[in-house]
Amino acid sequence: MSVHVFVDETKADGLLVAAALVQPRQLAPTRTLLRGLLLARQERLHFTKEGKARQGQIAAALCRSGVLVDLYDARTIADQRTARRMVLEQLVADCAGAGAHRLVLEQDDSLLASDRRTLRAAVHQAGVADELVYEHLPPRSEPLLWIADAVAWCWSHGSTWQQRVRPIIGEVRQVR
């Protein structure tokens, strides 16, 4: 069974990327769970815009979801473009190793062209050009991106928040 991977990052103190790994059988129930966390007139969860109590509620719900999140820590790399390229290359290699079918990144129009170049080269390098589909989507259109957003925020905001999401953290990779 092939996993689907949903990616977002924080750039607050250097690049930290979160990749939520969701099994196909978890896709629909996890989307339902996340949509159920929306408040009236809210079209997406954006962790940084939530109050502390809501952040805690969301983090707890994520820990009950059964998803796993890998982190790619490139905060020691000063150049953001280099850091992003290196993270994406490692991410694609890891997706290939996990037999991932789909890789979804939160859409940032300023990064689309360079991301596509990096991803195209990385899937060929990993030998998964015909197996791994990648795309960029706006967060309002894919609730599973909200997981990566929340976990990246938590991990970058110190040990108290890290402990809240620790149950769903898989690998923490240092990218250098």
N, C-alpha and C. Protein backbone atom coordinates (compact mmCIF):
# COMPACT_ATOMS: atom_id res chain seq x y z
N MET A 1 0.85 -1.18 0.00
CA MET A 1 0.00 0.00 0.00
C MET A 1 0.89 1.24 0.00
N SER A 2 0.61 2.18 -0.87
CA SER A 2 1.48 3.35 -1.01
C SER A 2 0.98 4.52 -0.18
N VAL A 3 1.91 5.19 0.44
CA VAL A 3 1.62 6.31 1.31
C VAL A 3 1.49 7.60 0.48
N HIS A 4 0.73 8.55 1.01
CA HIS A 4 0.62 9.89 0.44
C HIS A 4 1.31 10.83 1.43
N VAL A 5 2.06 11.81 0.90
CA VAL A 5 2.88 12.68 1.74
C VAL A 5 2.44 14.13 1.51
N PHE A 6 2.20 14.85 2.62
CA PHE A 6 1.71 16.23 2.57
C PHE A 6 2.70 17.11 3.31
N VAL A 7 3.18 18.17 2.64
CA VAL A 7 4.35 18.91 3.10
C VAL A 7 4.06 20.40 3.28
N ASP A 8 4.54 20.93 4.39
CA ASP A 8 4.55 22.37 4.63
C ASP A 8 5.80 22.67 5.45
N GLU A 9 6.10 23.94 5.59
CA GLU A 9 7.32 24.32 6.30
C GLU A 9 7.10 25.57 7.12
N THR A 10 8.07 25.83 7.97
CA THR A 10 8.18 27.10 8.64
C THR A 10 9.57 27.64 8.32
N LYS A 11 9.64 28.95 8.14
CA LYS A 11 10.91 29.60 7.83
C LYS A 11 11.28 30.58 8.93
N ALA A 12 10.61 30.47 10.07
CA ALA A 12 10.78 31.45 11.15
C ALA A 12 12.22 31.57 11.62
N ASP A 13 12.92 30.47 11.74
CA ASP A 13 14.30 30.48 12.24
C ASP A 13 15.15 29.57 11.36
N GLY A 14 15.02 29.74 10.05
CA GLY A 14 15.63 28.82 9.11
C GLY A 14 14.56 27.83 8.65
N LEU A 15 14.91 26.97 7.71
CA LEU A 15 13.92 26.09 7.10
C LEU A 15 13.73 24.80 7.89
N LEU A 16 12.48 24.57 8.30
CA LEU A 16 12.07 23.33 8.94
C LEU A 16 10.85 22.84 8.18
N VAL A 17 10.96 21.64 7.60
CA VAL A 17 9.90 21.08 6.77
C VAL A 17 9.26 19.90 7.47
N ALA A 18 7.94 19.85 7.46
CA ALA A 18 7.19 18.73 8.01
C ALA A 18 6.52 17.99 6.86
N ALA A 19 6.60 16.66 6.91
CA ALA A 19 6.00 15.81 5.88
C ALA A 19 5.08 14.81 6.57
N ALA A 20 3.78 15.00 6.40
CA ALA A 20 2.79 14.10 6.99
C ALA A 20 2.59 12.91 6.07
N LEU A 21 2.80 11.71 6.59
CA LEU A 21 2.64 10.48 5.83
C LEU A 21 1.28 9.88 6.17
N VAL A 22 0.44 9.77 5.15
CA VAL A 22 -0.93 9.31 5.37
C VAL A 22 -1.18 8.07 4.51
N GLN A 23 -1.58 7.00 5.15
CA GLN A 23 -1.92 5.77 4.44
C GLN A 23 -3.23 5.98 3.67
N PRO A 24 -3.41 5.33 2.54
CA PRO A 24 -4.63 5.52 1.75
C PRO A 24 -5.92 5.32 2.56
N ARG A 25 -5.95 4.35 3.45
CA ARG A 25 -7.16 4.11 4.25
C ARG A 25 -7.43 5.23 5.25
N GLN A 26 -6.41 6.06 5.51
CA GLN A 26 -6.55 7.17 6.46
C GLN A 26 -6.94 8.48 5.79
N LEU A 27 -6.88 8.54 4.48
CA LEU A 27 -7.11 9.81 3.78
C LEU A 27 -8.46 10.43 4.12
N ALA A 28 -9.53 9.73 3.83
CA ALA A 28 -10.88 10.29 4.05
C ALA A 28 -11.17 10.56 5.53
N PRO A 29 -10.91 9.61 6.44
CA PRO A 29 -11.21 9.89 7.84
C PRO A 29 -10.39 11.04 8.43
N THR A 30 -9.16 11.18 7.97
CA THR A 30 -8.33 12.27 8.50
C THR A 30 -8.80 13.62 7.95
N ARG A 31 -9.19 13.65 6.69
CA ARG A 31 -9.76 14.90 6.15
C ARG A 31 -11.03 15.28 6.92
N THR A 32 -11.85 14.30 7.21
CA THR A 32 -13.09 14.55 7.97
C THR A 32 -12.76 15.09 9.36
N LEU A 33 -11.78 14.48 10.02
CA LEU A 33 -11.36 14.95 11.34
C LEU A 33 -10.91 16.41 11.28
N LEU A 34 -10.08 16.74 10.30
CA LEU A 34 -9.55 18.10 10.18
C LEU A 34 -10.64 19.11 9.86
N ARG A 35 -11.51 18.76 8.93
CA ARG A 35 -12.61 19.68 8.61
C ARG A 35 -13.51 19.90 9.83
N GLY A 36 -13.63 18.88 10.65
CA GLY A 36 -14.43 18.99 11.87
C GLY A 36 -13.84 19.95 12.88
N LEU A 37 -12.58 20.28 12.74
CA LEU A 37 -11.92 21.23 13.65
C LEU A 37 -12.11 22.69 13.22
N LEU A 38 -12.62 22.89 12.03
CA LEU A 38 -12.82 24.27 11.55
C LEU A 38 -13.90 24.97 12.35
N LEU A 39 -13.68 26.24 12.59
CA LEU A 39 -14.69 27.09 13.21
C LEU A 39 -15.60 27.65 12.12
N ALA A 40 -16.72 28.21 12.52
CA ALA A 40 -17.64 28.83 11.56
C ALA A 40 -16.88 29.86 10.72
N ARG A 41 -17.11 29.84 9.42
CA ARG A 41 -16.52 30.76 8.45
C ARG A 41 -15.00 30.60 8.29
N GLN A 42 -14.45 29.55 8.81
CA GLN A 42 -13.03 29.29 8.66
C GLN A 42 -12.87 28.32 7.49
N GLU A 43 -12.03 28.67 6.51
CA GLU A 43 -11.88 27.80 5.34
C GLU A 43 -10.67 26.89 5.44
N ARG A 44 -9.80 27.14 6.42
CA ARG A 44 -8.63 26.29 6.63
C ARG A 44 -8.09 26.49 8.03
N LEU A 45 -7.33 25.52 8.49
CA LEU A 45 -6.60 25.70 9.74
C LEU A 45 -5.23 26.27 9.39
N HIS A 46 -4.85 27.30 10.08
CA HIS A 46 -3.50 27.86 9.95
C HIS A 46 -3.01 28.05 11.36
N PHE A 47 -2.13 27.17 11.79
CA PHE A 47 -1.79 27.03 13.21
C PHE A 47 -1.36 28.34 13.84
N THR A 48 -0.60 29.14 13.14
CA THR A 48 -0.09 30.38 13.71
C THR A 48 -1.22 31.37 14.02
N LYS A 49 -2.35 31.24 13.36
CA LYS A 49 -3.46 32.17 13.56
C LYS A 49 -4.46 31.68 14.60
N GLU A 50 -4.22 30.49 15.15
CA GLU A 50 -5.12 29.94 16.16
C GLU A 50 -4.66 30.40 17.55
N GLY A 51 -5.62 30.52 18.47
CA GLY A 51 -5.29 30.83 19.86
C GLY A 51 -4.64 29.63 20.53
N LYS A 52 -4.00 29.84 21.67
CA LYS A 52 -3.27 28.77 22.36
C LYS A 52 -4.18 27.59 22.70
N ALA A 53 -5.38 27.84 23.19
CA ALA A 53 -6.29 26.74 23.53
C ALA A 53 -6.65 25.92 22.29
N ARG A 54 -6.94 26.61 21.20
CA ARG A 54 -7.25 25.91 19.94
C ARG A 54 -6.03 25.15 19.43
N GLN A 55 -4.86 25.74 19.56
CA GLN A 55 -3.65 25.04 19.13
C GLN A 55 -3.50 23.73 19.90
N GLY A 56 -3.74 23.78 21.18
CA GLY A 56 -3.67 22.56 21.99
C GLY A 56 -4.70 21.53 21.56
N GLN A 57 -5.91 21.99 21.28
CA GLN A 57 -6.98 21.09 20.82
C GLN A 57 -6.61 20.45 19.49
N ILE A 58 -6.08 21.23 18.58
CA ILE A 58 -5.70 20.73 17.25
C ILE A 58 -4.55 19.72 17.39
N ALA A 59 -3.54 20.06 18.18
CA ALA A 59 -2.40 19.15 18.38
C ALA A 59 -2.87 17.83 18.96
N ALA A 60 -3.77 17.87 19.92
CA ALA A 60 -4.29 16.63 20.52
C ALA A 60 -5.05 15.81 19.49
N ALA A 61 -5.85 16.46 18.65
CA ALA A 61 -6.60 15.75 17.61
C ALA A 61 -5.64 15.09 16.61
N LEU A 62 -4.58 15.79 16.25
CA LEU A 62 -3.60 15.22 15.32
C LEU A 62 -2.96 13.97 15.93
N CYS A 63 -2.69 14.01 17.22
CA CYS A 63 -2.07 12.86 17.87
C CYS A 63 -3.01 11.65 17.93
N ARG A 64 -4.30 11.89 17.84
CA ARG A 64 -5.27 10.79 17.80
C ARG A 64 -5.53 10.29 16.38
N SER A 65 -5.01 10.99 15.39
CA SER A 65 -5.35 10.71 13.99
C SER A 65 -4.69 9.47 13.42
N GLY A 66 -3.57 9.07 13.97
CA GLY A 66 -2.86 7.91 13.43
C GLY A 66 -1.88 8.23 12.31
N VAL A 67 -1.71 9.50 11.98
CA VAL A 67 -0.73 9.86 10.95
C VAL A 67 0.66 9.92 11.57
N LEU A 68 1.65 9.92 10.72
CA LEU A 68 3.04 10.01 11.14
C LEU A 68 3.64 11.21 10.40
N VAL A 69 4.48 11.97 11.08
CA VAL A 69 5.08 13.16 10.47
C VAL A 69 6.60 13.08 10.61
N ASP A 70 7.28 13.16 9.47
CA ASP A 70 8.74 13.25 9.45
C ASP A 70 9.13 14.72 9.34
N LEU A 71 10.23 15.07 9.98
CA LEU A 71 10.73 16.44 9.95
C LEU A 71 12.08 16.50 9.26
N TYR A 72 12.27 17.57 8.51
CA TYR A 72 13.52 17.83 7.80
C TYR A 72 14.04 19.18 8.29
N ASP A 73 15.08 19.13 9.10
CA ASP A 73 15.60 20.33 9.75
C ASP A 73 16.82 20.84 8.98
N ALA A 74 16.62 21.92 8.26
CA ALA A 74 17.71 22.55 7.49
C ALA A 74 18.02 23.93 8.05
N ARG A 75 17.77 24.12 9.33
CA ARG A 75 17.93 25.44 9.93
C ARG A 75 19.38 25.88 10.02
N THR A 76 20.33 24.97 9.85
CA THR A 76 21.74 25.37 9.89
C THR A 76 22.24 25.88 8.53
N ILE A 77 21.43 25.73 7.50
CA ILE A 77 21.81 26.19 6.17
C ILE A 77 21.30 27.62 5.98
N ALA A 78 22.22 28.54 5.82
CA ALA A 78 21.86 29.96 5.77
C ALA A 78 21.05 30.33 4.53
N ASP A 79 21.42 29.79 3.40
CA ASP A 79 20.75 30.14 2.15
C ASP A 79 19.45 29.33 2.01
N GLN A 80 18.31 30.01 2.01
CA GLN A 80 17.00 29.36 1.98
C GLN A 80 16.78 28.53 0.72
N ARG A 81 17.24 29.00 -0.41
CA ARG A 81 17.05 28.25 -1.67
C ARG A 81 17.84 26.94 -1.65
N THR A 82 19.06 27.02 -1.17
CA THR A 82 19.88 25.81 -1.05
C THR A 82 19.25 24.84 -0.06
N ALA A 83 18.80 25.37 1.06
CA ALA A 83 18.16 24.53 2.08
C ALA A 83 16.93 23.83 1.51
N ARG A 84 16.10 24.56 0.79
CA ARG A 84 14.88 23.98 0.23
C ARG A 84 15.21 22.90 -0.80
N ARG A 85 16.17 23.18 -1.67
CA ARG A 85 16.57 22.19 -2.67
C ARG A 85 17.06 20.91 -2.00
N MET A 86 17.90 21.05 -0.99
CA MET A 86 18.44 19.88 -0.31
C MET A 86 17.35 19.09 0.42
N VAL A 87 16.42 19.80 1.04
CA VAL A 87 15.31 19.13 1.71
C VAL A 87 14.45 18.37 0.70
N LEU A 88 14.10 19.02 -0.40
CA LEU A 88 13.26 18.36 -1.40
C LEU A 88 13.94 17.13 -1.98
N GLU A 89 15.24 17.22 -2.21
CA GLU A 89 15.97 16.05 -2.71
C GLU A 89 15.91 14.89 -1.71
N GLN A 90 16.13 15.20 -0.44
CA GLN A 90 16.07 14.16 0.60
C GLN A 90 14.66 13.62 0.74
N LEU A 91 13.69 14.51 0.69
CA LEU A 91 12.28 14.11 0.80
C LEU A 91 11.88 13.15 -0.31
N VAL A 92 12.26 13.46 -1.53
CA VAL A 92 11.94 12.57 -2.66
C VAL A 92 12.63 11.22 -2.49
N ALA A 93 13.89 11.23 -2.07
CA ALA A 93 14.59 9.96 -1.83
C ALA A 93 13.87 9.15 -0.76
N ASP A 94 13.40 9.81 0.29
CA ASP A 94 12.67 9.11 1.35
C ASP A 94 11.32 8.61 0.86
N CYS A 95 10.65 9.41 0.04
CA CYS A 95 9.37 8.97 -0.55
C CYS A 95 9.59 7.73 -1.41
N ALA A 96 10.66 7.72 -2.18
CA ALA A 96 10.98 6.56 -3.02
C ALA A 96 11.19 5.33 -2.14
N GLY A 97 11.93 5.50 -1.06
CA GLY A 97 12.19 4.39 -0.16
C GLY A 97 10.96 3.87 0.53
N ALA A 98 9.99 4.75 0.77
CA ALA A 98 8.75 4.37 1.44
C ALA A 98 7.68 3.87 0.47
N GLY A 99 7.97 3.93 -0.81
CA GLY A 99 6.98 3.53 -1.81
C GLY A 99 5.82 4.51 -1.91
N ALA A 100 6.11 5.79 -1.66
CA ALA A 100 5.05 6.81 -1.72
C ALA A 100 4.51 6.94 -3.14
N HIS A 101 3.22 7.20 -3.20
CA HIS A 101 2.54 7.37 -4.49
C HIS A 101 2.36 8.84 -4.84
N ARG A 102 2.11 9.66 -3.82
CA ARG A 102 1.73 11.06 -4.06
C ARG A 102 2.45 11.96 -3.07
N LEU A 103 3.00 13.06 -3.57
CA LEU A 103 3.67 14.06 -2.77
C LEU A 103 2.99 15.40 -3.05
N VAL A 104 2.42 16.00 -2.00
CA VAL A 104 1.70 17.27 -2.13
C VAL A 104 2.40 18.31 -1.27
N LEU A 105 2.78 19.41 -1.90
CA LEU A 105 3.42 20.51 -1.19
C LEU A 105 2.47 21.70 -1.15
N GLU A 106 2.52 22.43 -0.03
CA GLU A 106 1.71 23.65 0.03
C GLU A 106 2.22 24.62 -1.02
N GLN A 107 1.30 25.16 -1.78
CA GLN A 107 1.65 26.02 -2.90
C GLN A 107 2.16 27.38 -2.43
N ASP A 108 3.33 27.74 -2.91
CA ASP A 108 3.91 29.06 -2.74
C ASP A 108 4.33 29.47 -4.14
N ASP A 109 3.58 30.38 -4.74
CA ASP A 109 3.81 30.73 -6.15
C ASP A 109 5.24 31.20 -6.41
N SER A 110 5.88 31.81 -5.43
CA SER A 110 7.25 32.29 -5.64
C SER A 110 8.26 31.15 -5.72
N LEU A 111 7.87 29.95 -5.30
CA LEU A 111 8.78 28.80 -5.31
C LEU A 111 8.43 27.73 -6.32
N LEU A 112 7.31 27.90 -7.02
CA LEU A 112 6.82 26.86 -7.93
C LEU A 112 7.84 26.42 -8.97
N ALA A 113 8.41 27.35 -9.69
CA ALA A 113 9.32 27.01 -10.78
C ALA A 113 10.56 26.27 -10.26
N SER A 114 11.18 26.79 -9.22
CA SER A 114 12.38 26.13 -8.69
C SER A 114 12.04 24.78 -8.06
N ASP A 115 10.90 24.70 -7.37
CA ASP A 115 10.47 23.41 -6.80
C ASP A 115 10.27 22.38 -7.90
N ARG A 116 9.62 22.78 -8.97
CA ARG A 116 9.36 21.82 -10.06
C ARG A 116 10.66 21.32 -10.69
N ARG A 117 11.62 22.21 -10.86
CA ARG A 117 12.93 21.78 -11.40
C ARG A 117 13.59 20.78 -10.46
N THR A 118 13.60 21.12 -9.18
CA THR A 118 14.22 20.25 -8.18
C THR A 118 13.51 18.91 -8.10
N LEU A 119 12.18 18.93 -8.06
CA LEU A 119 11.41 17.69 -7.95
C LEU A 119 11.56 16.81 -9.18
N ARG A 120 11.53 17.44 -10.36
CA ARG A 120 11.70 16.67 -11.60
C ARG A 120 13.05 15.94 -11.60
N ALA A 121 14.10 16.65 -11.23
CA ALA A 121 15.43 16.02 -11.19
C ALA A 121 15.50 14.95 -10.09
N ALA A 122 14.89 15.23 -8.95
CA ALA A 122 14.97 14.30 -7.82
C ALA A 122 14.22 13.00 -8.08
N VAL A 123 13.05 13.07 -8.73
CA VAL A 123 12.31 11.82 -9.00
C VAL A 123 13.06 10.98 -10.03
N HIS A 124 13.72 11.62 -10.98
CA HIS A 124 14.54 10.87 -11.94
C HIS A 124 15.74 10.25 -11.24
N GLN A 125 16.40 11.03 -10.40
CA GLN A 125 17.55 10.53 -9.65
C GLN A 125 17.17 9.34 -8.78
N ALA A 126 15.99 9.40 -8.16
CA ALA A 126 15.53 8.32 -7.27
C ALA A 126 14.92 7.15 -8.04
N GLY A 127 14.74 7.32 -9.35
CA GLY A 127 14.18 6.25 -10.16
C GLY A 127 12.69 6.04 -9.98
N VAL A 128 11.97 7.10 -9.58
CA VAL A 128 10.53 6.98 -9.34
C VAL A 128 9.71 7.95 -10.19
N ALA A 129 10.26 8.36 -11.33
CA ALA A 129 9.57 9.34 -12.17
C ALA A 129 8.20 8.84 -12.62
N ASP A 130 8.04 7.53 -12.76
CA ASP A 130 6.75 6.97 -13.19
C ASP A 130 5.87 6.54 -12.02
N GLU A 131 6.39 6.56 -10.81
CA GLU A 131 5.63 6.10 -9.65
C GLU A 131 5.18 7.21 -8.71
N LEU A 132 5.99 8.25 -8.56
CA LEU A 132 5.70 9.30 -7.59
C LEU A 132 5.12 10.53 -8.29
N VAL A 133 3.89 10.83 -7.99
CA VAL A 133 3.22 12.02 -8.52
C VAL A 133 3.43 13.14 -7.51
N TYR A 134 3.83 14.32 -7.99
CA TYR A 134 3.98 15.45 -7.08
C TYR A 134 3.19 16.64 -7.60
N GLU A 135 2.70 17.43 -6.66
CA GLU A 135 1.92 18.61 -7.02
C GLU A 135 1.96 19.63 -5.89
N HIS A 136 1.64 20.86 -6.24
CA HIS A 136 1.52 21.95 -5.28
C HIS A 136 0.04 22.32 -5.22
N LEU A 137 -0.50 22.43 -4.00
CA LEU A 137 -1.90 22.80 -3.83
C LEU A 137 -2.03 23.88 -2.77
N PRO A 138 -3.02 24.76 -2.93
CA PRO A 138 -3.28 25.74 -1.87
C PRO A 138 -3.86 25.03 -0.65
N PRO A 139 -3.52 25.48 0.55
CA PRO A 139 -3.93 24.76 1.76
C PRO A 139 -5.45 24.68 1.95
N ARG A 140 -6.18 25.60 1.42
CA ARG A 140 -7.64 25.53 1.59
C ARG A 140 -8.24 24.36 0.80
N SER A 141 -7.52 23.88 -0.22
CA SER A 141 -8.07 22.80 -1.05
C SER A 141 -7.66 21.41 -0.57
N GLU A 142 -6.71 21.32 0.35
CA GLU A 142 -6.27 20.01 0.84
C GLU A 142 -6.03 20.06 2.35
N PRO A 143 -7.02 19.61 3.13
CA PRO A 143 -6.90 19.65 4.59
C PRO A 143 -5.69 18.90 5.15
N LEU A 144 -5.20 17.90 4.45
CA LEU A 144 -4.08 17.13 4.98
C LEU A 144 -2.79 17.95 5.03
N LEU A 145 -2.73 19.05 4.30
CA LEU A 145 -1.60 19.98 4.42
C LEU A 145 -1.58 20.65 5.79
N TRP A 146 -2.73 20.75 6.42
CA TRP A 146 -2.84 21.43 7.72
C TRP A 146 -2.06 20.67 8.79
N ILE A 147 -1.89 19.37 8.62
CA ILE A 147 -1.13 18.58 9.58
C ILE A 147 0.32 19.06 9.59
N ALA A 148 0.91 19.14 8.42
CA ALA A 148 2.31 19.56 8.31
C ALA A 148 2.47 20.99 8.83
N ASP A 149 1.52 21.86 8.53
CA ASP A 149 1.57 23.23 9.02
C ASP A 149 1.62 23.26 10.55
N ALA A 150 0.74 22.50 11.18
CA ALA A 150 0.65 22.49 12.65
C ALA A 150 1.90 21.90 13.28
N VAL A 151 2.37 20.79 12.75
CA VAL A 151 3.54 20.13 13.33
C VAL A 151 4.80 20.96 13.14
N ALA A 152 4.97 21.57 11.98
CA ALA A 152 6.14 22.43 11.76
C ALA A 152 6.13 23.58 12.77
N TRP A 153 4.96 24.17 12.98
CA TRP A 153 4.85 25.27 13.95
C TRP A 153 5.21 24.77 15.35
N CYS A 154 4.62 23.67 15.76
CA CYS A 154 4.88 23.13 17.10
C CYS A 154 6.36 22.83 17.31
N TRP A 155 6.97 22.19 16.33
CA TRP A 155 8.37 21.79 16.47
C TRP A 155 9.29 23.00 16.57
N SER A 156 8.92 24.08 15.91
CA SER A 156 9.78 25.28 15.92
C SER A 156 9.51 26.18 17.13
N HIS A 157 8.53 25.82 17.96
CA HIS A 157 8.19 26.68 19.10
C HIS A 157 8.56 26.08 20.45
N GLY A 158 9.59 25.29 20.48
CA GLY A 158 10.15 24.85 21.75
C GLY A 158 9.64 23.52 22.27
N SER A 159 10.26 23.11 23.37
CA SER A 159 10.05 21.75 23.89
C SER A 159 8.62 21.48 24.35
N THR A 160 7.95 22.45 24.90
CA THR A 160 6.56 22.21 25.35
C THR A 160 5.69 21.82 24.17
N TRP A 161 5.80 22.55 23.07
CA TRP A 161 5.00 22.25 21.88
C TRP A 161 5.51 20.99 21.18
N GLN A 162 6.81 20.77 21.21
CA GLN A 162 7.36 19.55 20.62
C GLN A 162 6.80 18.32 21.33
N GLN A 163 6.70 18.40 22.65
CA GLN A 163 6.17 17.26 23.41
C GLN A 163 4.70 16.99 23.07
N ARG A 164 3.97 18.02 22.73
CA ARG A 164 2.56 17.84 22.38
C ARG A 164 2.38 17.01 21.11
N VAL A 165 3.32 17.13 20.17
CA VAL A 165 3.19 16.39 18.91
C VAL A 165 4.15 15.20 18.82
N ARG A 166 4.95 15.00 19.84
CA ARG A 166 5.93 13.90 19.84
C ARG A 166 5.31 12.54 19.47
N PRO A 167 4.08 12.22 19.90
CA PRO A 167 3.52 10.91 19.57
C PRO A 167 3.39 10.62 18.07
N ILE A 168 3.35 11.66 17.24
CA ILE A 168 3.19 11.40 15.80
C ILE A 168 4.46 11.70 15.00
N ILE A 169 5.54 12.01 15.70
CA ILE A 169 6.80 12.30 15.02
C ILE A 169 7.49 10.98 14.68
N GLY A 170 7.84 10.85 13.41
CA GLY A 170 8.59 9.69 12.96
C GLY A 170 10.07 10.00 13.00
N GLU A 171 10.63 10.32 11.87
CA GLU A 171 12.06 10.66 11.76
C GLU A 171 12.25 12.18 11.86
N VAL A 172 13.35 12.56 12.48
CA VAL A 172 13.79 13.95 12.47
C VAL A 172 15.15 13.93 11.78
N ARG A 173 15.17 14.45 10.55
CA ARG A 173 16.40 14.40 9.74
C ARG A 173 17.07 15.77 9.75
N GLN A 174 18.35 15.76 10.04
CA GLN A 174 19.16 16.97 9.91
C GLN A 174 19.65 17.03 8.48
N VAL A 175 19.33 18.09 7.78
CA VAL A 175 19.76 18.26 6.41
C VAL A 175 20.87 19.30 6.40
N ARG A 176 22.04 18.88 5.91
CA ARG A 176 23.23 19.77 5.94
C ARG A 176 23.93 19.76 4.62
